[in-house]
């Protein structure tokens, strides 16, 4: 039977992590609202400063084959730094999406292969 790992974190380590988070918090990009546009078939992100981003649904891991009703049910996490689709059991970070990270490493590799195939047939 495998041994269960035990992680011990001190109060000082927790306090230091919270302080680091406060220092970098001002650099977080935060979503004020997130909606699914069936017309554009895209995730629409409106950031706190008013800029809107549109990300095609087919690019985002966990959303490609989802039903429209499930796509509309989006929760904002962490004061707008994360997104969660509870009925799909899918979550993504806002900074990741805005940086073009639409899923796991294997998902991103699959998107790359699809893009190459698309260019070859065009």
N, C-alpha and C. Protein backbone atom coordinates (compact mmCIF):
# COMPACT_ATOMS: atom_id res chain seq x y z
N UNK A 1 0.84 -1.17 0.00
CA UNK A 1 0.00 0.00 0.00
C UNK A 1 0.90 1.25 0.00
N UNK A 2 0.62 2.22 -0.91
CA UNK A 2 1.46 3.41 -0.96
C UNK A 2 1.34 4.25 0.31
N UNK A 3 2.44 4.89 0.65
CA UNK A 3 2.45 5.76 1.82
C UNK A 3 1.80 7.09 1.47
N UNK A 4 0.99 7.59 2.36
CA UNK A 4 0.30 8.86 2.15
C UNK A 4 1.26 10.00 2.50
N UNK A 5 1.38 10.94 1.57
CA UNK A 5 2.27 12.08 1.80
C UNK A 5 1.57 13.08 2.71
N UNK A 6 2.34 13.71 3.55
CA UNK A 6 1.81 14.72 4.45
C UNK A 6 2.60 16.00 4.21
N UNK A 7 1.86 17.07 3.91
CA UNK A 7 2.50 18.37 3.68
C UNK A 7 2.26 19.22 4.91
N UNK A 8 3.33 19.76 5.43
CA UNK A 8 3.23 20.62 6.62
C UNK A 8 3.57 22.03 6.19
N UNK A 9 2.63 22.93 6.43
CA UNK A 9 2.82 24.34 6.11
C UNK A 9 2.67 25.14 7.38
N UNK A 10 3.61 26.01 7.62
CA UNK A 10 3.56 26.82 8.84
C UNK A 10 2.72 28.08 8.62
N UNK A 11 2.31 28.70 9.71
CA UNK A 11 1.58 29.96 9.62
C UNK A 11 2.43 31.02 8.93
N UNK A 12 3.72 31.03 9.19
CA UNK A 12 4.62 32.02 8.57
C UNK A 12 4.67 31.82 7.06
N UNK A 13 4.69 30.58 6.59
CA UNK A 13 4.69 30.32 5.15
C UNK A 13 3.38 30.77 4.51
N UNK A 14 2.29 30.52 5.19
CA UNK A 14 0.98 30.95 4.68
C UNK A 14 0.91 32.47 4.62
N UNK A 15 1.36 33.14 5.67
CA UNK A 15 1.36 34.61 5.69
C UNK A 15 2.24 35.18 4.58
N UNK A 16 3.39 34.55 4.33
CA UNK A 16 4.29 35.02 3.27
C UNK A 16 3.64 34.83 1.90
N UNK A 17 2.95 33.73 1.70
CA UNK A 17 2.27 33.49 0.42
C UNK A 17 1.16 34.51 0.20
N UNK A 18 0.41 34.82 1.24
CA UNK A 18 -0.66 35.84 1.14
C UNK A 18 -0.06 37.19 0.80
N UNK A 19 1.04 37.54 1.40
CA UNK A 19 1.70 38.83 1.12
C UNK A 19 2.20 38.88 -0.32
N UNK A 20 2.79 37.80 -0.82
CA UNK A 20 3.22 37.75 -2.22
C UNK A 20 2.03 37.92 -3.16
N UNK A 21 0.93 37.28 -2.81
CA UNK A 21 -0.28 37.40 -3.63
C UNK A 21 -0.77 38.85 -3.66
N UNK A 22 -0.70 39.54 -2.55
CA UNK A 22 -1.13 40.95 -2.50
C UNK A 22 -0.23 41.82 -3.38
N UNK A 23 1.05 41.54 -3.38
CA UNK A 23 1.99 42.33 -4.19
C UNK A 23 1.68 42.19 -5.67
N UNK A 24 1.39 40.99 -6.13
CA UNK A 24 1.17 40.73 -7.55
C UNK A 24 -0.29 40.88 -7.98
N UNK A 25 -1.19 41.07 -7.02
CA UNK A 25 -2.62 41.16 -7.31
C UNK A 25 -2.94 42.27 -8.32
N UNK A 26 -2.22 43.37 -8.26
CA UNK A 26 -2.51 44.50 -9.15
C UNK A 26 -2.23 44.16 -10.62
N UNK A 27 -1.49 43.08 -10.88
CA UNK A 27 -1.17 42.68 -12.25
C UNK A 27 -2.17 41.67 -12.82
N UNK A 28 -3.06 41.16 -11.97
CA UNK A 28 -4.07 40.21 -12.44
C UNK A 28 -5.05 40.91 -13.36
N UNK A 29 -5.36 40.25 -14.46
CA UNK A 29 -6.43 40.76 -15.32
C UNK A 29 -7.71 40.09 -14.84
N UNK A 30 -8.72 40.92 -14.62
CA UNK A 30 -9.96 40.42 -14.03
C UNK A 30 -11.14 40.64 -14.98
N UNK A 31 -11.99 39.63 -15.01
CA UNK A 31 -13.18 39.68 -15.85
C UNK A 31 -14.32 40.29 -15.04
N UNK A 32 -14.99 41.26 -15.65
CA UNK A 32 -16.20 41.84 -15.04
C UNK A 32 -17.42 41.00 -15.42
N UNK A 33 -17.40 40.46 -16.64
CA UNK A 33 -18.49 39.58 -17.07
C UNK A 33 -17.97 38.61 -18.13
N UNK A 34 -18.58 37.43 -18.13
CA UNK A 34 -18.25 36.40 -19.12
C UNK A 34 -19.56 35.84 -19.63
N UNK A 35 -19.70 35.80 -20.94
CA UNK A 35 -20.92 35.28 -21.55
C UNK A 35 -20.55 34.43 -22.76
N UNK A 36 -21.49 33.57 -23.13
CA UNK A 36 -21.33 32.81 -24.35
C UNK A 36 -22.22 33.44 -25.41
N UNK A 37 -21.65 33.76 -26.56
CA UNK A 37 -22.40 34.30 -27.68
C UNK A 37 -22.64 33.18 -28.69
N UNK A 38 -23.92 32.75 -28.81
CA UNK A 38 -24.22 31.70 -29.78
C UNK A 38 -24.06 32.23 -31.20
N UNK A 39 -24.31 33.51 -31.38
CA UNK A 39 -24.16 34.11 -32.72
C UNK A 39 -22.72 34.03 -33.20
N UNK A 40 -21.78 34.35 -32.32
CA UNK A 40 -20.36 34.29 -32.67
C UNK A 40 -19.75 32.92 -32.36
N UNK A 41 -20.49 32.08 -31.64
CA UNK A 41 -19.99 30.80 -31.13
C UNK A 41 -18.66 31.01 -30.41
N UNK A 42 -18.71 31.97 -29.47
CA UNK A 42 -17.47 32.37 -28.79
C UNK A 42 -17.74 32.75 -27.34
N UNK A 43 -16.71 32.61 -26.54
CA UNK A 43 -16.72 33.10 -25.18
C UNK A 43 -16.37 34.58 -25.23
N UNK A 44 -17.20 35.41 -24.63
CA UNK A 44 -16.98 36.85 -24.61
C UNK A 44 -16.57 37.26 -23.20
N UNK A 45 -15.40 37.84 -23.08
CA UNK A 45 -14.88 38.28 -21.78
C UNK A 45 -14.79 39.79 -21.77
N UNK A 46 -15.48 40.43 -20.83
CA UNK A 46 -15.34 41.88 -20.66
C UNK A 46 -14.53 42.10 -19.39
N UNK A 47 -13.35 42.69 -19.57
CA UNK A 47 -12.47 42.92 -18.44
C UNK A 47 -12.91 44.15 -17.66
N UNK A 48 -12.39 44.30 -16.46
CA UNK A 48 -12.77 45.41 -15.59
C UNK A 48 -12.57 46.77 -16.24
N UNK A 49 -11.54 46.91 -17.07
CA UNK A 49 -11.25 48.21 -17.68
C UNK A 49 -12.03 48.45 -18.97
N UNK A 50 -12.93 47.51 -19.32
CA UNK A 50 -13.84 47.71 -20.44
C UNK A 50 -13.46 47.03 -21.75
N UNK A 51 -12.27 46.50 -21.85
CA UNK A 51 -11.86 45.81 -23.07
C UNK A 51 -12.59 44.47 -23.15
N UNK A 52 -13.05 44.11 -24.33
CA UNK A 52 -13.76 42.85 -24.54
C UNK A 52 -12.93 41.93 -25.44
N UNK A 53 -12.82 40.69 -25.03
CA UNK A 53 -12.13 39.66 -25.80
C UNK A 53 -13.15 38.63 -26.24
N UNK A 54 -12.94 38.09 -27.42
CA UNK A 54 -13.78 37.02 -27.96
C UNK A 54 -12.87 35.84 -28.29
N UNK A 55 -13.19 34.69 -27.71
CA UNK A 55 -12.40 33.48 -27.93
C UNK A 55 -13.31 32.41 -28.52
N UNK A 56 -13.01 31.92 -29.71
CA UNK A 56 -13.85 30.88 -30.31
C UNK A 56 -14.00 29.67 -29.38
N UNK A 57 -15.21 29.22 -29.20
CA UNK A 57 -15.51 28.11 -28.29
C UNK A 57 -14.74 26.85 -28.68
N UNK A 58 -14.56 26.59 -29.94
CA UNK A 58 -13.92 25.36 -30.39
C UNK A 58 -12.47 25.25 -29.90
N UNK A 59 -11.87 26.39 -29.51
CA UNK A 59 -10.49 26.37 -29.04
C UNK A 59 -10.36 26.01 -27.57
N UNK A 60 -11.42 26.17 -26.81
CA UNK A 60 -11.33 26.05 -25.35
C UNK A 60 -11.67 24.63 -24.90
N UNK A 61 -10.70 24.01 -24.25
CA UNK A 61 -10.87 22.64 -23.78
C UNK A 61 -12.10 22.54 -22.87
N UNK A 62 -12.93 21.54 -23.14
CA UNK A 62 -14.11 21.31 -22.33
C UNK A 62 -15.36 22.00 -22.85
N UNK A 63 -15.21 22.92 -23.81
CA UNK A 63 -16.37 23.65 -24.32
C UNK A 63 -16.75 23.26 -25.74
N UNK A 64 -15.83 22.64 -26.47
CA UNK A 64 -16.04 22.35 -27.89
C UNK A 64 -17.35 21.60 -28.16
N UNK A 65 -17.64 20.57 -27.38
CA UNK A 65 -18.82 19.73 -27.64
C UNK A 65 -19.97 20.00 -26.68
N UNK A 66 -19.89 21.08 -25.92
CA UNK A 66 -20.91 21.38 -24.91
C UNK A 66 -22.18 21.93 -25.55
N UNK A 67 -23.29 21.74 -24.84
CA UNK A 67 -24.58 22.27 -25.27
C UNK A 67 -24.69 23.75 -24.91
N UNK A 68 -25.46 24.50 -25.70
CA UNK A 68 -25.59 25.95 -25.51
C UNK A 68 -26.03 26.30 -24.09
N UNK A 69 -26.96 25.56 -23.52
CA UNK A 69 -27.42 25.86 -22.17
C UNK A 69 -26.31 25.76 -21.14
N UNK A 70 -25.45 24.78 -21.30
CA UNK A 70 -24.32 24.62 -20.37
C UNK A 70 -23.28 25.71 -20.56
N UNK A 71 -23.14 26.19 -21.77
CA UNK A 71 -22.15 27.23 -22.06
C UNK A 71 -22.53 28.56 -21.43
N UNK A 72 -23.82 28.80 -21.24
CA UNK A 72 -24.30 30.05 -20.66
C UNK A 72 -24.06 30.12 -19.15
N UNK A 73 -23.93 28.98 -18.52
CA UNK A 73 -23.80 28.93 -17.05
C UNK A 73 -22.34 29.08 -16.65
N UNK A 74 -21.89 30.34 -16.55
CA UNK A 74 -20.50 30.64 -16.25
C UNK A 74 -20.42 31.34 -14.90
N UNK A 75 -19.58 30.83 -14.02
CA UNK A 75 -19.33 31.47 -12.73
C UNK A 75 -17.98 32.16 -12.77
N UNK A 76 -17.90 33.36 -12.19
CA UNK A 76 -16.62 34.05 -12.03
C UNK A 76 -16.00 33.58 -10.71
N UNK A 77 -14.74 33.24 -10.76
CA UNK A 77 -14.01 32.81 -9.58
C UNK A 77 -12.93 33.82 -9.22
N UNK A 78 -12.52 33.83 -7.97
CA UNK A 78 -11.38 34.64 -7.55
C UNK A 78 -11.45 36.09 -7.97
N UNK A 79 -12.58 36.72 -7.72
CA UNK A 79 -12.77 38.13 -8.10
C UNK A 79 -12.52 38.36 -9.59
N UNK A 80 -12.90 37.39 -10.41
CA UNK A 80 -12.79 37.56 -11.85
C UNK A 80 -11.50 37.08 -12.46
N UNK A 81 -10.69 36.34 -11.71
CA UNK A 81 -9.44 35.81 -12.26
C UNK A 81 -9.60 34.40 -12.82
N UNK A 82 -10.78 33.81 -12.58
CA UNK A 82 -11.04 32.47 -13.09
C UNK A 82 -12.47 32.34 -13.56
N UNK A 83 -12.71 31.33 -14.39
CA UNK A 83 -14.05 31.04 -14.91
C UNK A 83 -14.36 29.57 -14.64
N UNK A 84 -15.62 29.30 -14.30
CA UNK A 84 -16.04 27.94 -14.03
C UNK A 84 -17.39 27.68 -14.70
N UNK A 85 -17.48 26.52 -15.37
CA UNK A 85 -18.73 26.03 -15.94
C UNK A 85 -19.14 24.84 -15.08
N UNK A 86 -19.93 25.04 -14.03
CA UNK A 86 -20.21 23.97 -13.07
C UNK A 86 -20.91 22.76 -13.67
N UNK A 87 -21.79 22.95 -14.63
CA UNK A 87 -22.50 21.81 -15.22
C UNK A 87 -21.59 21.00 -16.14
N UNK A 88 -20.47 21.58 -16.55
CA UNK A 88 -19.52 20.89 -17.42
C UNK A 88 -18.30 20.39 -16.66
N UNK A 89 -18.14 20.82 -15.40
CA UNK A 89 -16.95 20.51 -14.61
C UNK A 89 -15.70 20.99 -15.33
N UNK A 90 -15.77 22.24 -15.82
CA UNK A 90 -14.67 22.87 -16.57
C UNK A 90 -14.33 24.19 -15.91
N UNK A 91 -13.05 24.47 -15.76
CA UNK A 91 -12.60 25.75 -15.22
C UNK A 91 -11.35 26.19 -15.98
N UNK A 92 -11.21 27.50 -16.15
CA UNK A 92 -10.04 28.08 -16.82
C UNK A 92 -9.64 29.36 -16.11
N UNK A 93 -8.35 29.66 -16.15
CA UNK A 93 -7.88 30.94 -15.61
C UNK A 93 -7.99 32.01 -16.68
N UNK A 94 -8.35 33.20 -16.25
CA UNK A 94 -8.48 34.32 -17.18
C UNK A 94 -7.12 34.65 -17.80
N UNK A 95 -6.08 34.73 -16.97
CA UNK A 95 -4.75 35.05 -17.52
C UNK A 95 -4.31 34.00 -18.54
N UNK A 96 -4.61 32.74 -18.28
CA UNK A 96 -4.26 31.69 -19.23
C UNK A 96 -4.99 31.86 -20.56
N UNK A 97 -6.29 32.08 -20.50
CA UNK A 97 -7.07 32.27 -21.73
C UNK A 97 -6.56 33.47 -22.52
N UNK A 98 -6.29 34.58 -21.82
CA UNK A 98 -5.83 35.78 -22.51
C UNK A 98 -4.42 35.61 -23.07
N UNK A 99 -3.66 34.66 -22.51
CA UNK A 99 -2.31 34.38 -23.01
C UNK A 99 -2.33 33.31 -24.10
N UNK A 100 -3.54 32.84 -24.46
CA UNK A 100 -3.64 31.84 -25.51
C UNK A 100 -3.48 30.42 -25.03
N UNK A 101 -3.61 30.19 -23.73
CA UNK A 101 -3.55 28.84 -23.19
C UNK A 101 -4.99 28.39 -22.98
N UNK A 102 -5.48 27.57 -23.91
CA UNK A 102 -6.88 27.20 -23.93
C UNK A 102 -7.16 25.83 -23.33
N UNK A 103 -6.13 25.20 -22.75
CA UNK A 103 -6.30 23.89 -22.12
C UNK A 103 -4.97 23.30 -21.75
N UNK A 104 -4.97 22.00 -21.52
CA UNK A 104 -3.77 21.27 -21.13
C UNK A 104 -2.75 21.25 -22.26
N UNK A 105 -1.56 20.78 -21.95
CA UNK A 105 -0.51 20.68 -22.97
C UNK A 105 -0.94 19.77 -24.12
N UNK A 106 -1.60 18.66 -23.82
CA UNK A 106 -2.04 17.77 -24.89
C UNK A 106 -3.15 18.41 -25.72
N UNK A 107 -4.02 19.19 -25.09
CA UNK A 107 -5.07 19.91 -25.83
C UNK A 107 -4.43 20.93 -26.77
N UNK A 108 -3.46 21.67 -26.28
CA UNK A 108 -2.81 22.69 -27.10
C UNK A 108 -2.08 22.04 -28.27
N UNK A 109 -1.48 20.87 -28.06
CA UNK A 109 -0.82 20.12 -29.14
C UNK A 109 -1.85 19.70 -30.19
N UNK A 110 -3.01 19.24 -29.74
CA UNK A 110 -4.08 18.85 -30.66
C UNK A 110 -4.53 20.05 -31.50
N UNK A 111 -4.66 21.23 -30.88
CA UNK A 111 -5.03 22.43 -31.63
C UNK A 111 -3.98 22.77 -32.68
N UNK A 112 -2.72 22.59 -32.32
CA UNK A 112 -1.62 22.86 -33.25
C UNK A 112 -1.69 21.93 -34.46
N UNK A 113 -1.94 20.66 -34.21
CA UNK A 113 -2.05 19.68 -35.29
C UNK A 113 -3.24 20.03 -36.19
N UNK A 114 -4.36 20.38 -35.59
CA UNK A 114 -5.54 20.77 -36.36
C UNK A 114 -5.27 22.00 -37.24
N UNK A 115 -4.52 22.95 -36.70
CA UNK A 115 -4.20 24.16 -37.45
C UNK A 115 -3.31 23.84 -38.64
N UNK A 116 -2.35 22.95 -38.46
CA UNK A 116 -1.45 22.55 -39.56
C UNK A 116 -2.26 21.84 -40.64
N UNK A 117 -3.14 20.93 -40.24
CA UNK A 117 -3.97 20.22 -41.21
C UNK A 117 -4.86 21.19 -41.99
N UNK A 118 -5.39 22.15 -41.30
CA UNK A 118 -6.26 23.15 -41.92
C UNK A 118 -5.50 23.97 -42.97
N UNK A 119 -4.27 24.35 -42.64
CA UNK A 119 -3.45 25.12 -43.58
C UNK A 119 -3.08 24.27 -44.80
N UNK A 120 -2.87 22.99 -44.59
CA UNK A 120 -2.48 22.10 -45.70
C UNK A 120 -3.63 21.87 -46.69
N UNK A 121 -4.86 21.91 -46.19
CA UNK A 121 -6.01 21.68 -47.08
C UNK A 121 -6.57 22.96 -47.64
N UNK A 122 -6.08 24.09 -47.18
CA UNK A 122 -6.61 25.38 -47.67
C UNK A 122 -5.97 25.79 -48.98
